[in-house]
Each structure stands twice: as C-alpha cells, then as structure tokens.
C-alpha atoms as a PDB file:
ATOM      1  CA  MET A   1      53.490 128.155  63.848  1.00  0.00           C
ATOM      2  CA  PHE A   2      55.513 129.561  61.413  1.00  0.00           C
ATOM      3  CA  ASP A   3      54.438 131.290  58.205  1.00  0.00           C
ATOM      4  CA  LYS A   4      55.080 130.141  54.629  1.00  0.00           C
ATOM      5  CA  LYS A   5      58.298 131.874  54.328  1.00  0.00           C
ATOM      6  CA  GLU A   6      60.108 130.895  57.605  1.00  0.00           C
ATOM      7  CA  GLU A   7      58.549 127.261  56.823  1.00  0.00           C
ATOM      8  CA  SER A   8      60.497 127.257  53.412  1.00  0.00           C
ATOM      9  CA  LYS A   9      63.241 128.607  54.989  1.00  0.00           C
ATOM     10  CA  ILE A  10      63.614 125.729  57.421  1.00  0.00           C
ATOM     11  CA  LEU A  11      62.811 123.283  54.170  1.00  0.00           C
ATOM     12  CA  THR A  12      65.999 124.997  52.621  1.00  0.00           C
ATOM     13  CA  ASP A  13      68.256 124.427  55.837  1.00  0.00           C
ATOM     14  CA  LEU A  14      67.165 121.098  56.323  1.00  0.00           C
ATOM     15  CA  GLN A  15      68.207 120.327  52.679  1.00  0.00           C
ATOM     16  CA  ALA A  16      71.523 121.969  53.515  1.00  0.00           C
ATOM     17  CA  LEU A  17      72.026 119.432  56.079  1.00  0.00           C
ATOM     18  CA  GLY A  18      71.852 116.650  53.666  1.00  0.00           C
ATOM     19  CA  LEU A  19      67.837 115.748  53.907  1.00  0.00           C
ATOM     20  CA  SER A  20      65.844 115.573  50.487  1.00  0.00           C
ATOM     21  CA  ASP A  21      63.355 117.781  49.880  1.00  0.00           C
ATOM     22  CA  LYS A  22      60.567 115.217  50.588  1.00  0.00           C
ATOM     23  CA  GLU A  23      62.762 113.888  53.836  1.00  0.00           C
ATOM     24  CA  ALA A  24      62.767 117.723  55.170  1.00  0.00           C
ATOM     25  CA  LYS A  25      58.537 117.736  54.568  1.00  0.00           C
ATOM     26  CA  VAL A  26      57.898 114.512  56.079  1.00  0.00           C
ATOM     27  CA  TYR A  27      60.022 115.332  59.152  1.00  0.00           C
ATOM     28  CA  THR A  28      58.513 118.764  59.633  1.00  0.00           C
ATOM     29  CA  SER A  29      55.051 117.523  59.253  1.00  0.00           C
ATOM     30  CA  LEU A  30      55.775 115.099  62.109  1.00  0.00           C
ATOM     31  CA  LEU A  31      57.111 117.508  64.474  1.00  0.00           C
ATOM     32  CA  LYS A  32      53.797 119.152  64.056  1.00  0.00           C
ATOM     33  CA  LEU A  33      51.676 116.377  64.372  1.00  0.00           C
ATOM     34  CA  GLY A  34      53.194 114.214  67.138  1.00  0.00           C
ATOM     35  CA  GLU A  35      52.746 110.488  67.058  1.00  0.00           C
ATOM     36  CA  VAL A  36      50.498 109.896  63.879  1.00  0.00           C
ATOM     37  CA  GLY A  37      49.969 107.219  61.524  1.00  0.00           C
ATOM     38  CA  SER A  38      51.089 107.526  57.730  1.00  0.00           C
ATOM     39  CA  SER A  39      47.722 108.689  56.155  1.00  0.00           C
ATOM     40  CA  LYS A  40      47.715 111.757  58.373  1.00  0.00           C
ATOM     41  CA  ILE A  41      51.678 112.629  57.215  1.00  0.00           C
ATOM     42  CA  ILE A  42      50.669 112.366  53.691  1.00  0.00           C
ATOM     43  CA  LYS A  43      47.860 114.624  54.224  1.00  0.00           C
ATOM     44  CA  GLU A  44      49.971 117.183  55.956  1.00  0.00           C
ATOM     45  CA  ALA A  45      53.210 117.011  53.806  1.00  0.00           C
ATOM     46  CA  GLU A  46      51.382 116.952  50.603  1.00  0.00           C
ATOM     47  CA  LEU A  47      53.056 113.870  49.235  1.00  0.00           C
ATOM     48  CA  HIS A  48      52.252 110.852  47.465  1.00  0.00           C
ATOM     49  CA  GLY A  49      52.174 107.795  49.785  1.00  0.00           C
ATOM     50  CA  GLN A  50      55.196 106.060  48.244  1.00  0.00           C
ATOM     51  CA  TYR A  51      57.466 109.270  48.830  1.00  0.00           C
ATOM     52  CA  VAL A  52      56.412 109.262  52.533  1.00  0.00           C
ATOM     53  CA  TYR A  53      57.041 105.895  52.868  1.00  0.00           C
ATOM     54  CA  GLN A  54      60.386 106.085  51.314  1.00  0.00           C
ATOM     55  CA  ALA A  55      61.291 109.262  53.417  1.00  0.00           C
ATOM     56  CA  LEU A  56      60.073 107.832  56.537  1.00  0.00           C
ATOM     57  CA  GLY A  57      62.530 104.797  55.862  1.00  0.00           C
ATOM     58  CA  SER A  58      65.648 106.760  55.589  1.00  0.00           C
ATOM     59  CA  LEU A  59      64.929 109.239  58.160  1.00  0.00           C
ATOM     60  CA  GLU A  60      64.656 106.353  60.735  1.00  0.00           C
ATOM     61  CA  LYS A  61      67.941 105.283  59.307  1.00  0.00           C
ATOM     62  CA  ARG A  62      69.315 108.703  60.041  1.00  0.00           C
ATOM     63  CA  GLY A  63      67.990 108.656  63.613  1.00  0.00           C
ATOM     64  CA  LEU A  64      65.249 111.435  62.700  1.00  0.00           C
ATOM     65  CA  VAL A  65      62.226 109.367  63.208  1.00  0.00           C
ATOM     66  CA  GLN A  66      60.894 106.373  65.070  1.00  0.00           C
ATOM     67  CA  HIS A  67      57.915 104.357  65.035  1.00  0.00           C
ATOM     68  CA  VAL A  68      55.755 102.049  67.594  1.00  0.00           C
ATOM     69  CA  ILE A  69      53.058  99.703  66.410  1.00  0.00           C
ATOM     70  CA  LYS A  70      49.751 100.260  68.325  1.00  0.00           C
ATOM     71  CA  ASN A  71      46.802  97.891  67.402  1.00  0.00           C
ATOM     72  CA  GLY A  72      48.778  96.354  64.748  1.00  0.00           C
ATOM     73  CA  ARG A  73      49.455  99.702  63.017  1.00  0.00           C
ATOM     74  CA  LYS A  74      52.983 101.879  62.765  1.00  0.00           C
ATOM     75  CA  LYS A  75      52.669 105.224  64.274  1.00  0.00           C
ATOM     76  CA  PHE A  76      55.318 107.538  63.615  1.00  0.00           C
ATOM     77  CA  SER A  77      56.836 110.316  65.499  1.00  0.00           C
ATOM     78  CA  ALA A  78      60.028 112.606  64.911  1.00  0.00           C
ATOM     79  CA  LYS A  79      62.986 112.480  67.402  1.00  0.00           C
ATOM     80  CA  ASN A  80      64.404 115.533  68.760  1.00  0.00           C
ATOM     81  CA  PRO A  81      65.530 118.275  66.737  1.00  0.00           C
ATOM     82  CA  LYS A  82      68.715 118.512  68.470  1.00  0.00           C
ATOM     83  CA  VAL A  83      69.407 114.709  66.783  1.00  0.00           C
ATOM     84  CA  LEU A  84      70.349 117.162  63.849  1.00  0.00           C
ATOM     85  CA  ALA A  85      73.520 118.477  65.192  1.00  0.00           C
ATOM     86  CA  ARG A  86      75.013 114.985  65.235  1.00  0.00           C
ATOM     87  CA  LEU A  87      74.703 114.907  61.578  1.00  0.00           C
ATOM     88  CA  ILE A  88      76.784 118.022  61.218  1.00  0.00           C
ATOM     89  CA  ASP A  89      79.379 116.189  63.707  1.00  0.00           C
ATOM     90  CA  GLN A  90      78.898 113.237  61.098  1.00  0.00           C
ATOM     91  CA  GLN A  91      79.712 115.251  57.892  1.00  0.00           C
ATOM     92  CA  LYS A  92      82.720 116.703  59.796  1.00  0.00           C
ATOM     93  CA  VAL A  93      84.121 113.668  60.616  1.00  0.00           C
ATOM     94  CA  ILE A  94      83.450 112.248  56.758  1.00  0.00           C
ATOM     95  CA  ALA A  95      84.996 115.265  55.166  1.00  0.00           C
ATOM     96  CA  GLU A  96      88.080 115.148  57.107  1.00  0.00           C
ATOM     97  CA  ASN A  97      88.378 111.191  56.358  1.00  0.00           C
ATOM     98  CA  VAL A  98      88.041 112.051  52.921  1.00  0.00           C
ATOM     99  CA  ALA A  99      90.187 114.510  52.648  1.00  0.00           C
ATOM    100  CA  ALA A 100      93.033 112.610  54.767  1.00  0.00           C
ATOM    101  CA  LYS A 101      92.612 109.958  52.256  1.00  0.00           C
ATOM    102  CA  LEU A 102      92.770 111.993  48.996  1.00  0.00           C
ATOM    103  CA  GLN A 103      95.980 113.450  50.324  1.00  0.00           C
ATOM    104  CA  GLU A 104      97.547 109.716  50.657  1.00  0.00           C
ATOM    105  CA  MET A 105      96.219 108.813  47.074  1.00  0.00           C
ATOM    106  CA  MET A 106      97.124 111.942  45.422  1.00  0.00           C
ATOM    107  CA  VAL A 107     100.724 112.317  43.348  1.00  0.00           C
ATOM    108  CA  LEU A 108     100.849 115.827  43.635  1.00  0.00           C
ATOM    109  CA  PRO A 109     103.448 117.563  40.761  1.00  0.00           C
ATOM    110  CA  PRO A 110     106.134 120.135  42.532  1.00  0.00           C
ATOM    111  CA  ASP A 111     103.971 122.894  41.282  1.00  0.00           C
ATOM    112  CA  GLN A 112     100.583 121.894  43.018  1.00  0.00           C
ATOM    113  CA  ARG A 113      99.150 122.389  46.317  1.00  0.00           C
ATOM    114  CA  PHE A 114      96.533 121.047  48.358  1.00  0.00           C
ATOM    115  CA  GLU A 115      95.605 122.872  51.250  1.00  0.00           C
ATOM    116  CA  VAL A 116      92.180 122.629  54.107  1.00  0.00           C
ATOM    117  CA  PHE A 117      90.463 125.545  55.409  1.00  0.00           C
ATOM    118  CA  HIS A 118      88.461 124.901  58.744  1.00  0.00           C
ATOM    119  CA  GLY A 119      86.113 127.532  60.435  1.00  0.00           C
ATOM    120  CA  LYS A 120      84.274 130.790  59.213  1.00  0.00           C
ATOM    121  CA  GLU A 121      87.432 133.134  60.106  1.00  0.00           C
ATOM    122  CA  SER A 122      89.685 130.850  57.955  1.00  0.00           C
ATOM    123  CA  TYR A 123      87.292 130.527  55.073  1.00  0.00           C
ATOM    124  CA  VAL A 124      87.046 134.089  54.909  1.00  0.00           C
ATOM    125  CA  ALA A 125      90.388 135.047  54.923  1.00  0.00           C
ATOM    126  CA  HIS A 126      90.954 132.555  52.147  1.00  0.00           C
ATOM    127  CA  GLU A 127      88.235 133.968  49.886  1.00  0.00           C
ATOM    128  CA  PHE A 128      89.928 137.110  50.161  1.00  0.00           C
ATOM    129  CA  GLU A 129      93.253 135.649  49.246  1.00  0.00           C
ATOM    130  CA  MET A 130      92.027 133.871  46.205  1.00  0.00           C
ATOM    131  CA  LEU A 131      90.285 137.057  45.025  1.00  0.00           C
ATOM    132  CA  GLU A 132      93.565 139.502  45.767  1.00  0.00           C
ATOM    133  CA  LYS A 133      95.646 136.948  43.920  1.00  0.00           C
ATOM    134  CA  ALA A 134      93.048 136.804  40.774  1.00  0.00           C
ATOM    135  CA  PRO A 135      94.617 138.694  37.831  1.00  0.00           C
ATOM    136  CA  GLU A 136      92.079 141.728  36.683  1.00  0.00           C
ATOM    137  CA  GLY A 137      89.820 140.990  34.515  1.00  0.00           C
ATOM    138  CA  SER A 138      89.720 137.242  34.936  1.00  0.00           C
ATOM    139  CA  GLU A 139      86.501 134.965  35.857  1.00  0.00           C
ATOM    140  CA  LEU A 140      85.475 132.743  38.568  1.00  0.00           C
ATOM    141  CA  LEU A 141      83.080 130.009  37.629  1.00  0.00           C
ATOM    142  CA  VAL A 142      80.718 128.657  40.691  1.00  0.00           C
ATOM    143  CA  ILE A 143      78.637 125.288  40.805  1.00  0.00           C
ATOM    144  CA  GLY A 144      76.356 126.013  43.343  1.00  0.00           C
ATOM    145  CA  GLY A 145      73.175 124.589  44.931  1.00  0.00           C
ATOM    146  CA  THR A 146      70.393 125.124  47.378  1.00  0.00           C
ATOM    147  CA  GLY A 147      73.172 124.258  50.253  1.00  0.00           C
ATOM    148  CA  ASP A 148      75.127 127.313  49.132  1.00  0.00           C
ATOM    149  CA  LYS A 149      75.408 129.478  52.027  1.00  0.00           C
ATOM    150  CA  PHE A 150      78.480 131.821  50.670  1.00  0.00           C
ATOM    151  CA  ASN A 151      76.708 135.040  51.465  1.00  0.00           C
ATOM    152  CA  GLU A 152      75.732 133.860  54.872  1.00  0.00           C
ATOM    153  CA  THR A 153      79.371 132.706  55.694  1.00  0.00           C
ATOM    154  CA  MET A 154      81.047 136.092  54.426  1.00  0.00           C
ATOM    155  CA  GLY A 155      78.557 137.771  56.879  1.00  0.00           C
ATOM    156  CA  ASP A 156      79.522 141.659  57.444  1.00  0.00           C
ATOM    157  CA  ARG A 157      82.422 141.260  55.141  1.00  0.00           C
ATOM    158  CA  LEU A 158      80.165 140.318  52.248  1.00  0.00           C
ATOM    159  CA  GLY A 159      80.197 143.943  50.771  1.00  0.00           C
ATOM    160  CA  GLU A 160      83.777 144.539  50.980  1.00  0.00           C
ATOM    161  CA  TYR A 161      84.241 141.221  48.945  1.00  0.00           C
ATOM    162  CA  MET A 162      81.969 142.227  46.306  1.00  0.00           C
ATOM    163  CA  SER A 163      83.584 145.935  45.917  1.00  0.00           C
ATOM    164  CA  LEU A 164      86.991 144.482  45.680  1.00  0.00           C
ATOM    165  CA  GLN A 165      85.584 141.837  43.004  1.00  0.00           C
ATOM    166  CA  VAL A 166      84.223 144.655  41.036  1.00  0.00           C
ATOM    167  CA  LYS A 167      87.381 147.157  41.522  1.00  0.00           C
ATOM    168  CA  LYS A 168      89.201 144.351  39.816  1.00  0.00           C
ATOM    169  CA  ASN A 169      87.011 143.642  37.155  1.00  0.00           C
ATOM    170  CA  ILE A 170      86.272 140.011  38.144  1.00  0.00           C
ATOM    171  CA  LYS A 171      83.005 138.487  36.555  1.00  0.00           C
ATOM    172  CA  VAL A 172      81.402 135.492  38.114  1.00  0.00           C
ATOM    173  CA  ARG A 173      79.247 133.059  36.666  1.00  0.00           C
ATOM    174  CA  TYR A 174      77.030 130.597  38.909  1.00  0.00           C
ATOM    175  CA  LEU A 175      75.376 127.605  37.870  1.00  0.00           C
ATOM    176  CA  GLY A 176      72.662 126.810  40.234  1.00  0.00           C
ATOM    177  CA  SER A 177      69.841 124.654  41.029  1.00  0.00           C
ATOM    178  CA  GLU A 178      66.326 125.480  39.393  1.00  0.00           C
ATOM    179  CA  GLY A 179      65.177 125.458  43.122  1.00  0.00           C
ATOM    180  CA  GLN A 180      67.172 128.638  43.966  1.00  0.00           C
ATOM    181  CA  ARG A 181      65.797 130.877  40.832  1.00  0.00           C
ATOM    182  CA  ALA A 182      62.964 132.112  43.328  1.00  0.00           C
ATOM    183  CA  THR A 183      65.605 133.305  46.038  1.00  0.00           C
ATOM    184  CA  MET A 184      68.272 134.372  43.991  1.00  0.00           C
ATOM    185  CA  SER A 185      67.181 138.092  43.702  1.00  0.00           C
ATOM    186  CA  GLU A 186      66.826 138.089  47.270  1.00  0.00           C
ATOM    187  CA  MET A 187      70.443 136.624  47.488  1.00  0.00           C
ATOM    188  CA  HIS A 188      72.436 138.658  45.237  1.00  0.00           C
ATOM    189  CA  GLY A 189      70.165 141.251  44.197  1.00  0.00           C
ATOM    190  CA  ARG A 190      71.452 143.387  41.182  1.00  0.00           C
ATOM    191  CA  ARG A 191      75.056 142.301  41.824  1.00  0.00           C
ATOM    192  CA  LYS A 192      77.806 143.837  39.314  1.00  0.00           C
ATOM    193  CA  LEU A 193      79.709 141.368  36.982  1.00  0.00           C
ATOM    194  CA  PHE A 194      77.516 138.456  37.994  1.00  0.00           C
ATOM    195  CA  GLU A 195      75.672 136.113  36.016  1.00  0.00           C
ATOM    196  CA  VAL A 196      73.664 133.020  37.133  1.00  0.00           C
ATOM    197  CA  ARG A 197      71.917 130.016  34.971  1.00  0.00           C
ATOM    198  CA  TYR A 198      70.046 127.027  36.388  1.00  0.00           C
ATOM    199  CA  LEU A 199      69.795 123.311  35.849  1.00  0.00           C
ATOM    200  CA  PRO A 200      66.975 121.497  37.057  1.00  0.00           C
ATOM    201  CA  GLY A 201      67.368 119.059  39.931  1.00  0.00           C
ATOM    202  CA  LEU A 202      70.923 119.212  40.428  1.00  0.00           C
ATOM    203  CA  PHE A 203      73.213 120.728  42.892  1.00  0.00           C
ATOM    204  CA  THR A 204      71.251 120.505  45.733  1.00  0.00           C
ATOM    205  CA  GLY A 205      73.475 119.069  48.471  1.00  0.00           C
ATOM    206  CA  GLN A 206      75.668 121.290  50.990  1.00  0.00           C
ATOM    207  CA  VAL A 207      78.915 121.364  48.745  1.00  0.00           C
ATOM    208  CA  ASN A 208      79.501 123.925  46.021  1.00  0.00           C
ATOM    209  CA  THR A 209      82.572 124.383  43.700  1.00  0.00           C
ATOM    210  CA  ASN A 210      84.778 127.416  43.006  1.00  0.00           C
ATOM    211  CA  VAL A 211      87.002 127.390  39.480  1.00  0.00           C
ATOM    212  CA  TRP A 212      89.830 129.992  39.361  1.00  0.00           C
ATOM    213  CA  PRO A 213      92.122 129.991  36.564  1.00  0.00           C
ATOM    214  CA  ASP A 214      94.800 128.384  38.366  1.00  0.00           C
ATOM    215  CA  ALA A 215      92.887 126.753  41.186  1.00  0.00           C
ATOM    216  CA  ILE A 216      89.874 124.908  42.304  1.00  0.00           C
ATOM    217  CA  GLY A 217      88.139 124.779  46.181  1.00  0.00           C
ATOM    218  CA  PHE A 218      85.334 122.814  47.287  1.00  0.00           C
ATOM    219  CA  ASN A 219      83.067 124.207  49.892  1.00  0.00           C
ATOM    220  CA  ILE A 220      81.322 122.360  52.605  1.00  0.00           C
ATOM    221  CA  PHE A 221      78.895 124.563  54.149  1.00  0.00           C
ATOM    222  CA  GLY A 222      78.657 122.693  57.568  1.00  0.00           C
ATOM    223  CA  GLU A 223      79.658 123.500  61.268  1.00  0.00           C
ATOM    224  CA  PRO A 224      82.250 124.335  60.714  1.00  0.00           C
ATOM    225  CA  VAL A 225      82.598 125.299  57.037  1.00  0.00           C
ATOM    226  CA  THR A 226      85.230 123.875  55.520  1.00  0.00           C
ATOM    227  CA  ARG A 227      87.387 124.777  52.002  1.00  0.00           C
ATOM    228  CA  PHE A 228      89.534 122.227  50.121  1.00  0.00           C
ATOM    229  CA  THR A 229      91.842 123.830  47.616  1.00  0.00           C
ATOM    230  CA  ILE A 230      93.928 122.679  44.780  1.00  0.00           C
ATOM    231  CA  TRP A 231      96.151 125.020  43.222  1.00  0.00           C
ATOM    232  CA  ASN A 232      96.976 123.315  39.595  1.00  0.00           C
ATOM    233  CA  PRO A 233      95.960 125.394  36.469  1.00  0.00           C
ATOM    234  CA  VAL A 234      95.636 121.656  34.615  1.00  0.00           C
ATOM    235  CA  VAL A 235      92.788 120.593  37.236  1.00  0.00           C
ATOM    236  CA  ALA A 236      91.410 124.089  37.084  1.00  0.00           C
ATOM    237  CA  GLY A 237      91.264 124.064  33.096  1.00  0.00           C
ATOM    238  CA  SER A 238      89.663 120.625  33.287  1.00  0.00           C
ATOM    239  CA  TYR A 239      86.662 121.733  35.509  1.00  0.00           C
ATOM    240  CA  ALA A 240      86.516 125.156  33.563  1.00  0.00           C
ATOM    241  CA  GLN A 241      85.658 123.006  30.478  1.00  0.00           C
ATOM    242  CA  PHE A 242      83.204 120.808  32.789  1.00  0.00           C
ATOM    243  CA  PHE A 243      81.445 123.965  33.450  1.00  0.00           C
ATOM    244  CA  GLU A 244      81.283 125.444  30.098  1.00  0.00           C
ATOM    245  CA  THR A 245      79.507 122.172  29.138  1.00  0.00           C
ATOM    246  CA  LEU A 246      77.030 122.631  31.785  1.00  0.00           C
ATOM    247  CA  TRP A 247      76.598 126.298  31.173  1.00  0.00           C
ATOM    248  CA  LYS A 248      75.532 125.691  27.591  1.00  0.00           C
ATOM    249  CA  ILE A 249      72.436 123.309  28.760  1.00  0.00           C
ATOM    250  CA  ALA A 250      71.371 125.492  31.406  1.00  0.00           C
ATOM    251  CA  LYS A 251      68.578 127.918  31.613  1.00  0.00           C
ATOM    252  CA  GLN A 252      68.961 131.824  32.327  1.00  0.00           C
END
C-alpha cells in the first residue's frame, strides 16, 4: 500500500497522462478493490455517485476499465496499468499529426520559423538555446499546470539552467493552476527571479506554454517530451498580452 504522499503523486501523474482528477481517483480505487460494484467505488474514491458513473464511462472508452453483469448488476474492474502506455503512444501520434496539419495550414512570413524538438536531449538543448539567445534582463512567461514536468525533464542540468537564468538577470513569471499551490515550494523552492500566481481549475493538462520576447513554445510532457517553437515577435507579443490578462486576475 502507498502512503498519502505517494498516492497523491500517482494521482498527479495520471492527470499528466490526460485523466481528470475524478477519473484518476476512480481508476486507482478499482486497482485496489478488484472487481466490485459502484457503491464500493463511491466509498473508496470519496466521490459523489454521479461523478463516479461519469468517470467509469469515460475510463471504459479509454480502455482502462471494463465491466461484467452478475446477477443483474454491473461489476467493474480496472484493466492492467500497462494499458496506460498506449495513451502515451496515442498522444504522440496525435501531436505529430496535429503538427503536420498545422504546418500545412500555416502561411509563414519570411522571418518566421517553426520547429519541432523530440526527446529529452533535444528538449533540454533547445531550452538552453532559448535562454542563451534571450537578451539580458528580459522575461520568460510560462503558462503551466499540473502536468508540468519541466524540472523532472531538465534533470541534472536544472541547476545549471537556473544559474544561467540568474546570471543573465532573466525573470520568470509562472502562471499555474490552483492545484499546484501546495507543491510549488517543493518544486521550485526559493528560486531567484521567479514569481508565481494561480488560477482556479485551469491548466490541468500535459501541455504548457513558454512566451519569450520573440518566440513562443508549446511543451508536451509525454513520452517522448515534445516541443513546438514558433519564432515570431508578433505572435509572441499576442500571447504575452493574453498572459498579462490572466496574470491580473490570478491569485498570489
């Protein structure tokens, strides 16, 4: 059995894979209970029955839950957690298809570039490239969420990245979801030139957005991690205005 902290981490990771908070709770409850009726799931997950039924329906569509009928009653059970790996593969295929379609649709001006970076090594190298190219004293705006795995992905080079950020006097403003408040200090500690605000109930997915003065990046923290970057000051400026609007209504 896992302790509360470990179980909370598992629920967060499941949300990073695209499950909702309620779907994650119902799925982990079924893993612990085995084949049971809905009443036991409601008790274990500590959710209202309506939410449990909705979660069960969506989990079955995802292929994570199945049911049988015994004595006229539905009995639910969780499928092998290895099925989760298929979700990651599906997300990768979807991301690649979307990127290809977007490239077909986009009419890029001569001074605009669009690039895709696959895998941890490519992602980390690109993050350093963006930081090194950024003007001293500039600012990075981040729209994050509970699926944000930046620190984990940077790994051993995170300290080097933060040192370079401070050396270049680059401020980071991070706009996260309210669900991150409890773990933010653990994630970033007393990070220099770093300010965070929270919006309730938003940005709970696996994608976050980086806005630099002349570029915008979309990070998908799946397997592998994938980064889409558009170099265009006009596009970046539009996203910066959107960020500022959200920043004003967010809570410290």
